[in-house]
């Protein structure tokens, strides 16, 4: 079963490669003829497929399909696919498809894409690397961008009724011990720990709970009774940790990736602007019009007055029509 699936995958990839057969043939035709490298694996009407050709085509495949070519049967299947592709390319050329207007137009588009990619790789991509040293300098001057969220450590008591919650709050205001009251009255899972809920950050708890907890400013402050998740709650601030910068090693890769992209964008814009300055350009954008369907009023005209024309409100008679 595995072998069958692997063979099918190879056939699919080869079939996809056939779509570019004409393009490849056209490109090869334009290149100077060179001596074939490697041993001859097959001849297709005089066209030679060598071990070197086989290796190059194999390297283009995804890794999981390359693994299928480790066996002799897999290699034979792939070679047969290459032969099939070459036969179809030759048939297409004999039929004049390489000179078909649609094909040649697509070839021109492919050519443009390839040379643009090559130029941008040379002029921008290769020069826009952002080094670890640059990343560290950026980090040191932008530490506020890499702060971890503030944290608060809270005590929590949950009561089943509002009256019970208010009675507990009254006891707390009389300086009774929070942990003892939590163990005695709280219906929350943290009751056994004296209500200690540990440190929380924004986004970790439900909005009502977060709002009450982060509103507490000084250690020892307590919230009024508030409702959330079918209960009545009181929270107490035990400790607060302000937001701190994350260590450089933790954010280094993100900085390098983000700043390299920004650098590429800036370099590209500068590159294009320099080309425009050097070029003789004539642009007539007055020929560009908004596409408006027949009988459809443009959005700009629907709720605005036309210059020099007053829009009058409909009369009572018109409203009744």
C-alpha atoms as a PDB file:
ATOM      1  CA  UNK A   1       0.000   0.000   0.000  1.00  0.00           C
ATOM      2  CA  UNK A   2       2.834   2.409   0.905  1.00  0.00           C
ATOM      3  CA  UNK A   3       4.567   1.691  -2.379  1.00  0.00           C
ATOM      4  CA  UNK A   4       1.380   2.386  -4.322  1.00  0.00           C
ATOM      5  CA  UNK A   5       0.842   5.702  -2.532  1.00  0.00           C
ATOM      6  CA  UNK A   6       4.448   6.718  -3.154  1.00  0.00           C
ATOM      7  CA  UNK A   7       4.160   5.887  -6.852  1.00  0.00           C
ATOM      8  CA  UNK A   8       0.955   7.899  -7.108  1.00  0.00           C
ATOM      9  CA  UNK A   9       2.632  10.867  -5.435  1.00  0.00           C
ATOM     10  CA  UNK A  10       5.533  10.723  -7.891  1.00  0.00           C
ATOM     11  CA  UNK A  11       3.138  10.600 -10.826  1.00  0.00           C
ATOM     12  CA  UNK A  12       1.222  13.628  -9.502  1.00  0.00           C
ATOM     13  CA  UNK A  13       4.419  15.653  -9.117  1.00  0.00           C
ATOM     14  CA  UNK A  14       5.649  14.646 -12.549  1.00  0.00           C
ATOM     15  CA  UNK A  15       2.299  15.545 -14.072  1.00  0.00           C
ATOM     16  CA  UNK A  16       2.542  18.972 -12.502  1.00  0.00           C
ATOM     17  CA  UNK A  17       6.028  19.308 -13.902  1.00  0.00           C
ATOM     18  CA  UNK A  18       4.645  18.561 -17.377  1.00  0.00           C
ATOM     19  CA  UNK A  19       2.721  21.819 -17.243  1.00  0.00           C
ATOM     20  CA  UNK A  20       6.051  23.588 -17.424  1.00  0.00           C
ATOM     21  CA  UNK A  21       7.474  21.320 -20.077  1.00  0.00           C
ATOM     22  CA  UNK A  22       6.950  23.758 -22.927  1.00  0.00           C
ATOM     23  CA  UNK A  23       8.409  26.569 -20.889  1.00  0.00           C
ATOM     24  CA  UNK A  24      11.466  24.496 -20.077  1.00  0.00           C
ATOM     25  CA  UNK A  25      11.906  23.395 -23.662  1.00  0.00           C
ATOM     26  CA  UNK A  26      11.671  26.986 -24.886  1.00  0.00           C
ATOM     27  CA  UNK A  27      14.280  28.093 -22.371  1.00  0.00           C
ATOM     28  CA  UNK A  28      16.622  25.240 -23.290  1.00  0.00           C
ATOM     29  CA  UNK A  29      16.220  26.066 -26.965  1.00  0.00           C
ATOM     30  CA  UNK A  30      17.442  29.609 -26.278  1.00  0.00           C
ATOM     31  CA  UNK A  31      20.544  28.419 -24.429  1.00  0.00           C
ATOM     32  CA  UNK A  32      23.745  27.368 -26.178  1.00  0.00           C
ATOM     33  CA  UNK A  33      23.990  23.602 -26.526  1.00  0.00           C
ATOM     34  CA  UNK A  34      26.380  22.000 -24.027  1.00  0.00           C
ATOM     35  CA  UNK A  35      27.683  18.489 -23.731  1.00  0.00           C
ATOM     36  CA  UNK A  36      25.420  16.227 -21.662  1.00  0.00           C
ATOM     37  CA  UNK A  37      26.715  15.515 -18.157  1.00  0.00           C
ATOM     38  CA  UNK A  38      26.427  12.128 -16.488  1.00  0.00           C
ATOM     39  CA  UNK A  39      25.634   8.704 -17.849  1.00  0.00           C
ATOM     40  CA  UNK A  40      22.782   8.212 -20.283  1.00  0.00           C
ATOM     41  CA  UNK A  41      19.636   6.872 -18.617  1.00  0.00           C
ATOM     42  CA  UNK A  42      17.296   7.226 -21.594  1.00  0.00           C
ATOM     43  CA  UNK A  43      17.038   8.594 -25.126  1.00  0.00           C
ATOM     44  CA  UNK A  44      13.715  10.004 -26.263  1.00  0.00           C
ATOM     45  CA  UNK A  45      13.766  10.512 -30.030  1.00  0.00           C
ATOM     46  CA  UNK A  46      17.389  11.537 -29.693  1.00  0.00           C
ATOM     47  CA  UNK A  47      16.876  13.690 -26.588  1.00  0.00           C
ATOM     48  CA  UNK A  48      19.171  12.396 -23.837  1.00  0.00           C
ATOM     49  CA  UNK A  49      18.196  12.091 -20.175  1.00  0.00           C
ATOM     50  CA  UNK A  50      21.308  11.600 -18.037  1.00  0.00           C
ATOM     51  CA  UNK A  51      21.932  10.641 -14.434  1.00  0.00           C
ATOM     52  CA  UNK A  52      22.706  14.314 -13.820  1.00  0.00           C
ATOM     53  CA  UNK A  53      19.322  15.343 -15.267  1.00  0.00           C
ATOM     54  CA  UNK A  54      17.634  12.714 -13.086  1.00  0.00           C
ATOM     55  CA  UNK A  55      19.381  14.023  -9.974  1.00  0.00           C
ATOM     56  CA  UNK A  56      18.410  17.649 -10.681  1.00  0.00           C
ATOM     57  CA  UNK A  57      14.753  16.737 -11.234  1.00  0.00           C
ATOM     58  CA  UNK A  58      14.771  14.584  -8.103  1.00  0.00           C
ATOM     59  CA  UNK A  59      16.091  17.482  -6.007  1.00  0.00           C
ATOM     60  CA  UNK A  60      13.114  19.606  -7.071  1.00  0.00           C
ATOM     61  CA  UNK A  61      10.695  17.180  -5.396  1.00  0.00           C
ATOM     62  CA  UNK A  62       9.436  17.608  -1.820  1.00  0.00           C
ATOM     63  CA  UNK A  63      11.505  15.653   0.712  1.00  0.00           C
ATOM     64  CA  UNK A  64       8.713  13.236   1.525  1.00  0.00           C
ATOM     65  CA  UNK A  65       8.531  12.222  -2.149  1.00  0.00           C
ATOM     66  CA  UNK A  66      12.315  12.098  -2.545  1.00  0.00           C
ATOM     67  CA  UNK A  67      12.251   9.383   0.113  1.00  0.00           C
ATOM     68  CA  UNK A  68      10.139   7.289  -2.283  1.00  0.00           C
ATOM     69  CA  UNK A  69      13.015   7.282  -4.786  1.00  0.00           C
ATOM     70  CA  UNK A  70      15.382   5.391  -2.524  1.00  0.00           C
ATOM     71  CA  UNK A  71      14.281   2.072  -3.991  1.00  0.00           C
ATOM     72  CA  UNK A  72      15.069   0.908  -7.508  1.00  0.00           C
ATOM     73  CA  UNK A  73      11.340   0.604  -8.311  1.00  0.00           C
ATOM     74  CA  UNK A  74      10.783   4.182  -7.188  1.00  0.00           C
ATOM     75  CA  UNK A  75      13.643   5.412  -9.378  1.00  0.00           C
ATOM     76  CA  UNK A  76      12.306   3.461 -12.368  1.00  0.00           C
ATOM     77  CA  UNK A  77       8.853   4.976 -11.915  1.00  0.00           C
ATOM     78  CA  UNK A  78      10.301   8.483 -11.739  1.00  0.00           C
ATOM     79  CA  UNK A  79      12.465   7.922 -14.826  1.00  0.00           C
ATOM     80  CA  UNK A  80       9.361   6.740 -16.686  1.00  0.00           C
ATOM     81  CA  UNK A  81       7.640   9.981 -15.642  1.00  0.00           C
ATOM     82  CA  UNK A  82      10.544  12.021 -17.047  1.00  0.00           C
ATOM     83  CA  UNK A  83      10.375  10.072 -20.320  1.00  0.00           C
ATOM     84  CA  UNK A  84       6.599  10.647 -20.486  1.00  0.00           C
ATOM     85  CA  UNK A  85       7.069  14.359 -19.920  1.00  0.00           C
ATOM     86  CA  UNK A  86       9.695  14.596 -22.663  1.00  0.00           C
ATOM     87  CA  UNK A  87       7.416  12.759 -25.120  1.00  0.00           C
ATOM     88  CA  UNK A  88       4.589  15.196 -24.408  1.00  0.00           C
ATOM     89  CA  UNK A  89       6.916  18.203 -24.744  1.00  0.00           C
ATOM     90  CA  UNK A  90       8.193  16.950 -28.108  1.00  0.00           C
ATOM     91  CA  UNK A  91       4.640  16.335 -29.330  1.00  0.00           C
ATOM     92  CA  UNK A  92       3.644  19.842 -28.216  1.00  0.00           C
ATOM     93  CA  UNK A  93       6.603  21.365 -30.085  1.00  0.00           C
ATOM     94  CA  UNK A  94       5.767  19.416 -33.256  1.00  0.00           C
ATOM     95  CA  UNK A  95       2.219  20.722 -32.974  1.00  0.00           C
ATOM     96  CA  UNK A  96       3.577  24.262 -32.832  1.00  0.00           C
ATOM     97  CA  UNK A  97       2.390  24.844 -29.264  1.00  0.00           C
ATOM     98  CA  UNK A  98       5.719  26.454 -28.362  1.00  0.00           C
ATOM     99  CA  UNK A  99       4.827  29.209 -30.849  1.00  0.00           C
ATOM    100  CA  UNK A 100       1.205  29.530 -29.743  1.00  0.00           C
ATOM    101  CA  UNK A 101       0.387  33.128 -28.777  1.00  0.00           C
ATOM    102  CA  UNK A 102      -1.013  32.129 -25.380  1.00  0.00           C
ATOM    103  CA  UNK A 103       2.043  30.048 -24.565  1.00  0.00           C
ATOM    104  CA  UNK A 104       4.580  32.657 -25.684  1.00  0.00           C
ATOM    105  CA  UNK A 105       2.696  35.312 -23.709  1.00  0.00           C
ATOM    106  CA  UNK A 106       2.884  33.182 -20.566  1.00  0.00           C
ATOM    107  CA  UNK A 107       6.571  32.517 -21.231  1.00  0.00           C
ATOM    108  CA  UNK A 108       7.185  36.247 -21.339  1.00  0.00           C
ATOM    109  CA  UNK A 109       5.400  36.652 -18.000  1.00  0.00           C
ATOM    110  CA  UNK A 110       7.466  33.826 -16.506  1.00  0.00           C
ATOM    111  CA  UNK A 111      10.639  35.433 -17.849  1.00  0.00           C
ATOM    112  CA  UNK A 112       9.719  38.797 -16.314  1.00  0.00           C
ATOM    113  CA  UNK A 113       8.970  37.184 -12.964  1.00  0.00           C
ATOM    114  CA  UNK A 114      12.267  35.296 -12.925  1.00  0.00           C
ATOM    115  CA  UNK A 115      14.460  38.265 -13.820  1.00  0.00           C
ATOM    116  CA  UNK A 116      12.632  40.520 -11.321  1.00  0.00           C
ATOM    117  CA  UNK A 117      13.154  37.928  -8.573  1.00  0.00           C
ATOM    118  CA  UNK A 118      16.825  37.591  -9.510  1.00  0.00           C
ATOM    119  CA  UNK A 119      17.377  41.362  -9.521  1.00  0.00           C
ATOM    120  CA  UNK A 120      15.589  41.962  -6.211  1.00  0.00           C
ATOM    121  CA  UNK A 121      17.494  39.104  -4.606  1.00  0.00           C
ATOM    122  CA  UNK A 122      20.745  40.685  -5.731  1.00  0.00           C
ATOM    123  CA  UNK A 123      19.895  44.336  -4.977  1.00  0.00           C
ATOM    124  CA  UNK A 124      17.764  43.975  -1.855  1.00  0.00           C
ATOM    125  CA  UNK A 125      17.360  40.571  -0.248  1.00  0.00           C
ATOM    126  CA  UNK A 126      21.096  39.875  -0.132  1.00  0.00           C
ATOM    127  CA  UNK A 127      21.831  43.290   1.386  1.00  0.00           C
ATOM    128  CA  UNK A 128      18.971  43.521   3.879  1.00  0.00           C
ATOM    129  CA  UNK A 129      20.159  41.038   6.457  1.00  0.00           C
ATOM    130  CA  UNK A 130      19.699  42.202  10.061  1.00  0.00           C
ATOM    131  CA  UNK A 131      22.543  40.934  12.227  1.00  0.00           C
ATOM    132  CA  UNK A 132      22.408  39.748  15.824  1.00  0.00           C
ATOM    133  CA  UNK A 133      24.555  42.750  16.787  1.00  0.00           C
ATOM    134  CA  UNK A 134      22.044  45.124  15.167  1.00  0.00           C
ATOM    135  CA  UNK A 135      19.204  43.239  16.900  1.00  0.00           C
ATOM    136  CA  UNK A 136      20.866  43.680  20.284  1.00  0.00           C
ATOM    137  CA  UNK A 137      21.345  47.419  19.656  1.00  0.00           C
ATOM    138  CA  UNK A 138      17.670  47.710  18.669  1.00  0.00           C
ATOM    139  CA  UNK A 139      16.629  45.775  21.777  1.00  0.00           C
ATOM    140  CA  UNK A 140      18.666  48.022  24.099  1.00  0.00           C
ATOM    141  CA  UNK A 141      17.072  51.168  22.670  1.00  0.00           C
ATOM    142  CA  UNK A 142      13.494  49.790  22.509  1.00  0.00           C
ATOM    143  CA  UNK A 143      13.126  47.742  25.698  1.00  0.00           C
ATOM    144  CA  UNK A 144       9.619  49.069  26.301  1.00  0.00           C
ATOM    145  CA  UNK A 145       8.475  47.134  23.220  1.00  0.00           C
ATOM    146  CA  UNK A 146       9.498  43.842  24.817  1.00  0.00           C
ATOM    147  CA  UNK A 147       7.998  44.059  28.282  1.00  0.00           C
ATOM    148  CA  UNK A 148       6.129  41.117  29.724  1.00  0.00           C
ATOM    149  CA  UNK A 149       2.703  41.997  31.118  1.00  0.00           C
ATOM    150  CA  UNK A 150       2.289  43.158  34.700  1.00  0.00           C
ATOM    151  CA  UNK A 151       1.280  40.481  37.185  1.00  0.00           C
ATOM    152  CA  UNK A 152      -0.768  40.593  40.369  1.00  0.00           C
ATOM    153  CA  UNK A 153      -0.915  37.989  43.105  1.00  0.00           C
ATOM    154  CA  UNK A 154      -4.352  37.841  44.653  1.00  0.00           C
ATOM    155  CA  UNK A 155      -6.344  36.243  47.403  1.00  0.00           C
ATOM    156  CA  UNK A 156      -9.863  35.163  46.431  1.00  0.00           C
ATOM    157  CA  UNK A 157     -13.052  34.411  48.294  1.00  0.00           C
ATOM    158  CA  UNK A 158     -16.215  33.249  46.491  1.00  0.00           C
ATOM    159  CA  UNK A 159     -19.603  33.209  48.188  1.00  0.00           C
ATOM    160  CA  UNK A 160     -22.802  31.642  46.885  1.00  0.00           C
ATOM    161  CA  UNK A 161     -25.045  34.573  47.844  1.00  0.00           C
ATOM    162  CA  UNK A 162     -24.564  38.337  47.816  1.00  0.00           C
ATOM    163  CA  UNK A 163     -25.541  38.583  51.494  1.00  0.00           C
ATOM    164  CA  UNK A 164     -22.906  36.061  52.504  1.00  0.00           C
ATOM    165  CA  UNK A 165     -20.281  37.905  50.443  1.00  0.00           C
ATOM    166  CA  UNK A 166     -21.159  41.237  52.077  1.00  0.00           C
ATOM    167  CA  UNK A 167     -20.998  39.640  55.561  1.00  0.00           C
ATOM    168  CA  UNK A 168     -17.509  38.313  54.777  1.00  0.00           C
ATOM    169  CA  UNK A 169     -16.401  41.712  53.460  1.00  0.00           C
ATOM    170  CA  UNK A 170     -17.639  43.325  56.672  1.00  0.00           C
ATOM    171  CA  UNK A 171     -15.499  40.904  58.703  1.00  0.00           C
ATOM    172  CA  UNK A 172     -12.484  41.702  56.509  1.00  0.00           C
ATOM    173  CA  UNK A 173     -12.956  45.421  57.074  1.00  0.00           C
ATOM    174  CA  UNK A 174     -12.792  44.672  60.807  1.00  0.00           C
ATOM    175  CA  UNK A 175      -9.299  43.283  60.152  1.00  0.00           C
ATOM    176  CA  UNK A 176     -10.228  39.598  60.415  1.00  0.00           C
ATOM    177  CA  UNK A 177      -7.692  37.291  58.745  1.00  0.00           C
ATOM    178  CA  UNK A 178      -8.345  36.882  55.005  1.00  0.00           C
ATOM    179  CA  UNK A 179      -6.838  33.376  54.752  1.00  0.00           C
ATOM    180  CA  UNK A 180      -8.850  32.055  57.691  1.00  0.00           C
ATOM    181  CA  UNK A 181     -12.096  33.467  56.302  1.00  0.00           C
ATOM    182  CA  UNK A 182     -11.310  32.007  52.862  1.00  0.00           C
ATOM    183  CA  UNK A 183     -10.749  28.549  54.335  1.00  0.00           C
ATOM    184  CA  UNK A 184     -13.970  28.784  56.363  1.00  0.00           C
ATOM    185  CA  UNK A 185     -16.370  30.396  53.863  1.00  0.00           C
ATOM    186  CA  UNK A 186     -15.004  30.383  50.292  1.00  0.00           C
ATOM    187  CA  UNK A 187     -16.632  28.095  47.722  1.00  0.00           C
ATOM    188  CA  UNK A 188     -13.665  28.523  45.344  1.00  0.00           C
ATOM    189  CA  UNK A 189     -11.119  25.721  44.693  1.00  0.00           C
ATOM    190  CA  UNK A 190      -8.452  27.907  46.342  1.00  0.00           C
ATOM    191  CA  UNK A 191     -10.217  27.817  49.740  1.00  0.00           C
ATOM    192  CA  UNK A 192      -7.842  25.146  51.118  1.00  0.00           C
ATOM    193  CA  UNK A 193      -4.903  27.467  50.331  1.00  0.00           C
ATOM    194  CA  UNK A 194      -6.456  30.395  52.167  1.00  0.00           C
ATOM    195  CA  UNK A 195      -7.722  31.858  48.894  1.00  0.00           C
ATOM    196  CA  UNK A 196      -4.217  32.219  47.418  1.00  0.00           C
ATOM    197  CA  UNK A 197      -4.753  32.276  43.613  1.00  0.00           C
ATOM    198  CA  UNK A 198      -1.128  32.968  42.692  1.00  0.00           C
ATOM    199  CA  UNK A 199      -0.030  35.459  40.052  1.00  0.00           C
ATOM    200  CA  UNK A 200      -2.302  36.303  37.140  1.00  0.00           C
ATOM    201  CA  UNK A 201      -1.745  38.354  33.971  1.00  0.00           C
ATOM    202  CA  UNK A 202      -4.222  40.177  31.791  1.00  0.00           C
ATOM    203  CA  UNK A 203      -6.106  37.780  29.557  1.00  0.00           C
ATOM    204  CA  UNK A 204      -5.725  34.833  31.936  1.00  0.00           C
ATOM    205  CA  UNK A 205      -9.054  35.211  33.763  1.00  0.00           C
ATOM    206  CA  UNK A 206     -12.610  36.307  32.955  1.00  0.00           C
ATOM    207  CA  UNK A 207     -13.043  40.090  32.348  1.00  0.00           C
ATOM    208  CA  UNK A 208     -14.937  40.826  35.587  1.00  0.00           C
ATOM    209  CA  UNK A 209     -12.269  39.109  37.671  1.00  0.00           C
ATOM    210  CA  UNK A 210      -9.410  40.785  35.742  1.00  0.00           C
ATOM    211  CA  UNK A 211     -10.967  44.243  36.125  1.00  0.00           C
ATOM    212  CA  UNK A 212     -11.387  43.830  39.893  1.00  0.00           C
ATOM    213  CA  UNK A 213      -7.890  42.386  40.426  1.00  0.00           C
ATOM    214  CA  UNK A 214      -5.933  44.952  38.385  1.00  0.00           C
ATOM    215  CA  UNK A 215      -7.904  47.856  39.876  1.00  0.00           C
ATOM    216  CA  UNK A 216      -6.200  47.167  43.221  1.00  0.00           C
ATOM    217  CA  UNK A 217      -3.185  49.470  43.590  1.00  0.00           C
ATOM    218  CA  UNK A 218      -1.633  48.810  47.017  1.00  0.00           C
ATOM    219  CA  UNK A 219      -0.804  45.506  48.691  1.00  0.00           C
ATOM    220  CA  UNK A 220      -3.620  44.741  51.134  1.00  0.00           C
ATOM    221  CA  UNK A 221      -6.302  46.536  49.092  1.00  0.00           C
ATOM    222  CA  UNK A 222      -9.573  44.622  48.668  1.00  0.00           C
ATOM    223  CA  UNK A 223     -12.264  44.852  46.038  1.00  0.00           C
ATOM    224  CA  UNK A 224     -15.952  45.430  46.745  1.00  0.00           C
ATOM    225  CA  UNK A 225     -18.212  42.435  46.186  1.00  0.00           C
ATOM    226  CA  UNK A 226     -18.642  41.742  42.473  1.00  0.00           C
ATOM    227  CA  UNK A 227     -20.522  39.098  40.497  1.00  0.00           C
ATOM    228  CA  UNK A 228     -18.944  36.768  37.951  1.00  0.00           C
ATOM    229  CA  UNK A 229     -19.602  33.224  36.756  1.00  0.00           C
ATOM    230  CA  UNK A 230     -22.695  32.703  38.963  1.00  0.00           C
ATOM    231  CA  UNK A 231     -20.855  33.663  42.148  1.00  0.00           C
ATOM    232  CA  UNK A 232     -20.112  36.639  44.403  1.00  0.00           C
ATOM    233  CA  UNK A 233     -16.450  37.449  44.780  1.00  0.00           C
ATOM    234  CA  UNK A 234     -13.929  39.414  46.836  1.00  0.00           C
ATOM    235  CA  UNK A 235     -10.272  39.716  45.821  1.00  0.00           C
ATOM    236  CA  UNK A 236      -7.315  41.037  47.796  1.00  0.00           C
ATOM    237  CA  UNK A 237      -3.985  42.262  46.405  1.00  0.00           C
ATOM    238  CA  UNK A 238      -1.125  40.244  47.896  1.00  0.00           C
ATOM    239  CA  UNK A 239       1.668  41.355  45.548  1.00  0.00           C
ATOM    240  CA  UNK A 240       2.207  43.237  42.296  1.00  0.00           C
ATOM    241  CA  UNK A 241       4.942  42.866  39.682  1.00  0.00           C
ATOM    242  CA  UNK A 242       5.277  45.600  37.116  1.00  0.00           C
ATOM    243  CA  UNK A 243       5.935  44.749  33.484  1.00  0.00           C
ATOM    244  CA  UNK A 244       9.607  43.861  32.886  1.00  0.00           C
ATOM    245  CA  UNK A 245      11.643  43.608  29.674  1.00  0.00           C
ATOM    246  CA  UNK A 246      11.919  40.094  28.286  1.00  0.00           C
ATOM    247  CA  UNK A 247      15.518  38.820  27.990  1.00  0.00           C
ATOM    248  CA  UNK A 248      17.212  39.502  24.648  1.00  0.00           C
ATOM    249  CA  UNK A 249      17.675  35.808  23.848  1.00  0.00           C
ATOM    250  CA  UNK A 250      13.926  35.264  24.082  1.00  0.00           C
ATOM    251  CA  UNK A 251      13.050  37.991  21.559  1.00  0.00           C
ATOM    252  CA  UNK A 252      16.193  37.996  19.379  1.00  0.00           C
ATOM    253  CA  UNK A 253      14.758  35.963  16.495  1.00  0.00           C
ATOM    254  CA  UNK A 254      11.556  38.051  16.374  1.00  0.00           C
ATOM    255  CA  UNK A 255      13.579  41.267  16.230  1.00  0.00           C
ATOM    256  CA  UNK A 256      15.812  39.981  13.435  1.00  0.00           C
ATOM    257  CA  UNK A 257      12.846  38.775  11.361  1.00  0.00           C
ATOM    258  CA  UNK A 258      10.766  41.945  11.830  1.00  0.00           C
ATOM    259  CA  UNK A 259      13.624  44.370  11.259  1.00  0.00           C
ATOM    260  CA  UNK A 260      14.933  42.467   8.225  1.00  0.00           C
ATOM    261  CA  UNK A 261      11.476  42.767   6.638  1.00  0.00           C
ATOM    262  CA  UNK A 262      11.341  46.483   7.452  1.00  0.00           C
ATOM    263  CA  UNK A 263      14.834  46.940   6.037  1.00  0.00           C
ATOM    264  CA  UNK A 264      13.828  45.118   2.834  1.00  0.00           C
ATOM    265  CA  UNK A 265      10.709  47.281   2.515  1.00  0.00           C
ATOM    266  CA  UNK A 266      12.688  50.501   2.952  1.00  0.00           C
ATOM    267  CA  UNK A 267      15.381  49.366   0.516  1.00  0.00           C
ATOM    268  CA  UNK A 268      12.758  48.373  -2.049  1.00  0.00           C
ATOM    269  CA  UNK A 269      11.019  51.754  -1.830  1.00  0.00           C
ATOM    270  CA  UNK A 270      14.348  53.583  -2.188  1.00  0.00           C
ATOM    271  CA  UNK A 271      15.322  51.329  -5.092  1.00  0.00           C
ATOM    272  CA  UNK A 272      12.058  51.992  -6.943  1.00  0.00           C
ATOM    273  CA  UNK A 273      12.297  55.741  -6.287  1.00  0.00           C
ATOM    274  CA  UNK A 274      15.826  55.827  -7.705  1.00  0.00           C
ATOM    275  CA  UNK A 275      14.633  54.002 -10.833  1.00  0.00           C
ATOM    276  CA  UNK A 276      11.826  56.524 -11.283  1.00  0.00           C
ATOM    277  CA  UNK A 277      14.237  59.436 -10.933  1.00  0.00           C
ATOM    278  CA  UNK A 278      16.563  57.992 -13.575  1.00  0.00           C
ATOM    279  CA  UNK A 279      13.765  57.093 -15.982  1.00  0.00           C
ATOM    280  CA  UNK A 280      11.819  59.198 -18.469  1.00  0.00           C
ATOM    281  CA  UNK A 281       8.242  58.595 -17.360  1.00  0.00           C
ATOM    282  CA  UNK A 282       4.978  59.679 -18.925  1.00  0.00           C
ATOM    283  CA  UNK A 283       1.888  58.747 -16.932  1.00  0.00           C
ATOM    284  CA  UNK A 284      -1.654  59.703 -17.943  1.00  0.00           C
ATOM    285  CA  UNK A 285      -3.739  58.548 -14.986  1.00  0.00           C
ATOM    286  CA  UNK A 286      -6.629  60.814 -16.042  1.00  0.00           C
ATOM    287  CA  UNK A 287      -7.712  57.928 -18.289  1.00  0.00           C
ATOM    288  CA  UNK A 288      -8.421  55.798 -15.209  1.00  0.00           C
ATOM    289  CA  UNK A 289     -12.087  55.873 -14.229  1.00  0.00           C
ATOM    290  CA  UNK A 290     -14.184  54.442 -11.426  1.00  0.00           C
ATOM    291  CA  UNK A 291     -16.023  51.295 -12.501  1.00  0.00           C
ATOM    292  CA  UNK A 292     -19.719  52.046 -11.939  1.00  0.00           C
ATOM    293  CA  UNK A 293     -22.413  49.681 -13.123  1.00  0.00           C
ATOM    294  CA  UNK A 294     -25.142  51.139 -15.316  1.00  0.00           C
ATOM    295  CA  UNK A 295     -27.967  52.601 -13.232  1.00  0.00           C
ATOM    296  CA  UNK A 296     -25.870  52.530 -10.060  1.00  0.00           C
ATOM    297  CA  UNK A 297     -24.991  55.845  -8.396  1.00  0.00           C
ATOM    298  CA  UNK A 298     -21.412  56.105  -7.064  1.00  0.00           C
ATOM    299  CA  UNK A 299     -21.160  56.105  -3.261  1.00  0.00           C
ATOM    300  CA  UNK A 300     -19.762  59.640  -3.249  1.00  0.00           C
ATOM    301  CA  UNK A 301     -22.905  60.928  -4.945  1.00  0.00           C
ATOM    302  CA  UNK A 302     -25.473  59.158  -2.784  1.00  0.00           C
ATOM    303  CA  UNK A 303     -25.330  61.286   0.333  1.00  0.00           C
ATOM    304  CA  UNK A 304     -23.647  64.424  -0.928  1.00  0.00           C
ATOM    305  CA  UNK A 305     -24.679  67.452  -2.879  1.00  0.00           C
ATOM    306  CA  UNK A 306     -23.342  67.925  -6.345  1.00  0.00           C
ATOM    307  CA  UNK A 307     -21.234  71.082  -6.698  1.00  0.00           C
ATOM    308  CA  UNK A 308     -23.552  74.068  -7.274  1.00  0.00           C
ATOM    309  CA  UNK A 309     -26.703  71.997  -6.800  1.00  0.00           C
ATOM    310  CA  UNK A 310     -28.837  72.010  -3.688  1.00  0.00           C
ATOM    311  CA  UNK A 311     -30.389  68.731  -2.579  1.00  0.00           C
ATOM    312  CA  UNK A 312     -33.988  69.335  -1.538  1.00  0.00           C
ATOM    313  CA  UNK A 313     -35.939  67.220   0.891  1.00  0.00           C
ATOM    314  CA  UNK A 314     -38.868  65.289  -0.679  1.00  0.00           C
ATOM    315  CA  UNK A 315     -42.277  66.886  -0.309  1.00  0.00           C
ATOM    316  CA  UNK A 316     -45.086  65.280   1.681  1.00  0.00           C
ATOM    317  CA  UNK A 317     -46.732  64.278  -1.590  1.00  0.00           C
ATOM    318  CA  UNK A 318     -43.540  62.588  -2.805  1.00  0.00           C
ATOM    319  CA  UNK A 319     -43.144  60.751   0.502  1.00  0.00           C
ATOM    320  CA  UNK A 320     -46.621  59.336   0.151  1.00  0.00           C
ATOM    321  CA  UNK A 321     -45.990  57.950  -3.313  1.00  0.00           C
END
